[in-house]
C-alpha atoms as a PDB file:
ATOM      1  CA  MET A   1      10.742  -7.985 -26.897  1.00  0.00           C
ATOM      2  CA  CYS A   2      10.218  -5.676 -29.842  1.00  0.00           C
ATOM      3  CA  GLY A   3      12.146  -5.188 -33.080  1.00  0.00           C
ATOM      4  CA  GLU A   4      13.334  -7.519 -35.775  1.00  0.00           C
ATOM      5  CA  ASP A   5      16.129 -10.135 -35.378  1.00  0.00           C
ATOM      6  CA  ARG A   6      19.370  -8.322 -34.274  1.00  0.00           C
ATOM      7  CA  SER A   7      17.715  -5.029 -33.435  1.00  0.00           C
ATOM      8  CA  GLN A   8      15.472  -6.323 -30.694  1.00  0.00           C
ATOM      9  CA  TYR A   9      14.916  -4.282 -27.543  1.00  0.00           C
ATOM     10  CA  ARG A  10      12.822  -4.394 -24.417  1.00  0.00           C
ATOM     11  CA  CYS A  11       9.833  -2.244 -25.431  1.00  0.00           C
ATOM     12  CA  GLY A  12       8.124  -2.612 -22.065  1.00  0.00           C
ATOM     13  CA  LEU A  13      11.011  -1.237 -20.361  1.00  0.00           C
ATOM     14  CA  LYS A  14      11.375   1.583 -22.745  1.00  0.00           C
ATOM     15  CA  ALA A  15       7.709   2.482 -22.264  1.00  0.00           C
ATOM     16  CA  ALA A  16       7.892   2.213 -18.505  1.00  0.00           C
ATOM     17  CA  ASN A  17      11.012   4.396 -18.337  1.00  0.00           C
ATOM     18  CA  ALA A  18       9.558   7.006 -20.709  1.00  0.00           C
ATOM     19  CA  LEU A  19       6.321   7.042 -18.678  1.00  0.00           C
ATOM     20  CA  ASP A  20       8.121   7.475 -15.424  1.00  0.00           C
ATOM     21  CA  ALA A  21      10.068  10.379 -16.845  1.00  0.00           C
ATOM     22  CA  TYR A  22       6.859  12.012 -18.165  1.00  0.00           C
ATOM     23  CA  ILE A  23       5.056  11.609 -14.808  1.00  0.00           C
ATOM     24  CA  ALA A  24       8.087  13.044 -12.948  1.00  0.00           C
ATOM     25  CA  ARG A  25       6.609  12.388  -9.464  1.00  0.00           C
ATOM     26  CA  ARG A  26       3.457  14.377 -10.206  1.00  0.00           C
ATOM     27  CA  PRO A  27       0.197  13.021  -8.808  1.00  0.00           C
ATOM     28  CA  VAL A  28      -1.542  10.416 -11.013  1.00  0.00           C
ATOM     29  CA  ASN A  29      -5.367  10.306 -11.068  1.00  0.00           C
ATOM     30  CA  CYS A  30      -7.110   7.150 -12.113  1.00  0.00           C
ATOM     31  CA  VAL A  31     -10.784   6.703 -12.755  1.00  0.00           C
ATOM     32  CA  PRO A  32     -12.077   3.139 -12.771  1.00  0.00           C
ATOM     33  CA  LEU A  33     -14.274   2.413 -15.794  1.00  0.00           C
ATOM     34  CA  SER A  34     -15.210  -1.271 -15.550  1.00  0.00           C
ATOM     35  CA  LEU A  35     -13.784  -4.806 -14.885  1.00  0.00           C
ATOM     36  CA  ASP A  36     -12.360  -6.937 -17.639  1.00  0.00           C
ATOM     37  CA  ARG A  37     -13.325 -10.549 -18.121  1.00  0.00           C
ATOM     38  CA  TYR A  38     -10.749 -11.632 -15.521  1.00  0.00           C
ATOM     39  CA  GLY A  39     -11.986  -9.270 -12.788  1.00  0.00           C
ATOM     40  CA  ARG A  40      -9.153  -6.710 -13.268  1.00  0.00           C
ATOM     41  CA  THR A  41     -10.009  -2.900 -13.092  1.00  0.00           C
ATOM     42  CA  VAL A  42      -9.962  -1.116 -16.402  1.00  0.00           C
ATOM     43  CA  ALA A  43      -9.280   2.583 -15.664  1.00  0.00           C
ATOM     44  CA  THR A  44      -8.205   5.739 -17.424  1.00  0.00           C
ATOM     45  CA  CYS A  45      -5.354   7.500 -15.698  1.00  0.00           C
ATOM     46  CA  SER A  46      -4.070  11.103 -16.119  1.00  0.00           C
ATOM     47  CA  VAL A  47      -1.474  13.481 -14.973  1.00  0.00           C
ATOM     48  CA  ALA A  48      -2.230  17.219 -14.969  1.00  0.00           C
ATOM     49  CA  GLY A  49      -5.327  16.453 -17.054  1.00  0.00           C
ATOM     50  CA  ARG A  50      -3.395  14.560 -19.744  1.00  0.00           C
ATOM     51  CA  ASP A  51      -4.591  10.961 -20.370  1.00  0.00           C
ATOM     52  CA  LEU A  52      -1.562   8.664 -19.941  1.00  0.00           C
ATOM     53  CA  GLY A  53      -2.782   5.986 -22.351  1.00  0.00           C
ATOM     54  CA  GLU A  54      -3.185   8.649 -25.105  1.00  0.00           C
ATOM     55  CA  TRP A  55       0.289   9.918 -24.231  1.00  0.00           C
ATOM     56  CA  LEU A  56       1.799   6.351 -24.653  1.00  0.00           C
ATOM     57  CA  VAL A  57      -0.015   5.858 -27.987  1.00  0.00           C
ATOM     58  CA  ARG A  58       0.903   9.238 -29.316  1.00  0.00           C
ATOM     59  CA  ASN A  59       4.537   8.706 -28.496  1.00  0.00           C
ATOM     60  CA  GLY A  60       4.656   5.297 -30.129  1.00  0.00           C
ATOM     61  CA  LEU A  61       5.105   3.463 -26.804  1.00  0.00           C
ATOM     62  CA  ALA A  62       1.765   1.597 -26.867  1.00  0.00           C
ATOM     63  CA  LEU A  63      -0.868   0.422 -29.346  1.00  0.00           C
ATOM     64  CA  ASP A  64      -4.404   1.563 -29.039  1.00  0.00           C
ATOM     65  CA  TRP A  65      -5.819  -2.060 -28.741  1.00  0.00           C
ATOM     66  CA  PRO A  66      -8.485  -3.311 -28.229  1.00  0.00           C
ATOM     67  CA  PRO A  67     -10.519  -0.139 -28.831  1.00  0.00           C
ATOM     68  CA  ILE A  68     -13.105   0.361 -26.128  1.00  0.00           C
ATOM     69  CA  GLU A  69     -16.619   0.256 -27.504  1.00  0.00           C
ATOM     70  CA  GLY A  70     -18.352   3.598 -27.708  1.00  0.00           C
ATOM     71  CA  GLN A  71     -15.118   5.640 -27.240  1.00  0.00           C
ATOM     72  CA  ILE A  72     -13.119   7.523 -29.802  1.00  0.00           C
ATOM     73  CA  SER A  73      -9.907   5.802 -30.701  1.00  0.00           C
ATOM     74  CA  ARG A  74      -6.934   7.506 -28.990  1.00  0.00           C
ATOM     75  CA  SER A  75      -4.786   6.957 -32.119  1.00  0.00           C
ATOM     76  CA  SER A  76      -7.462   8.801 -34.320  1.00  0.00           C
ATOM     77  CA  ALA A  77      -8.339  11.518 -31.796  1.00  0.00           C
ATOM     78  CA  GLY A  78      -7.352  15.054 -32.763  1.00  0.00           C
ATOM     79  CA  GLY A  79      -4.502  16.842 -31.247  1.00  0.00           C
END
């Protein structure tokens, strides 16, 4: 849940719906980068060449956290 007191809303649902609308049934390309400490794949995914993580951050639907060492922060990247 996001928000304060009475104005709480399901931010995960909002982000998922917005991402679904943005992808609009286009092909998604994911490139595995590494594994996290739990053995889960860490990947960067894009649609039509646009990084989906960056899109989520720039649209206020996700936080750029934690920053990946050696990469430019999405929230501080130009564009």
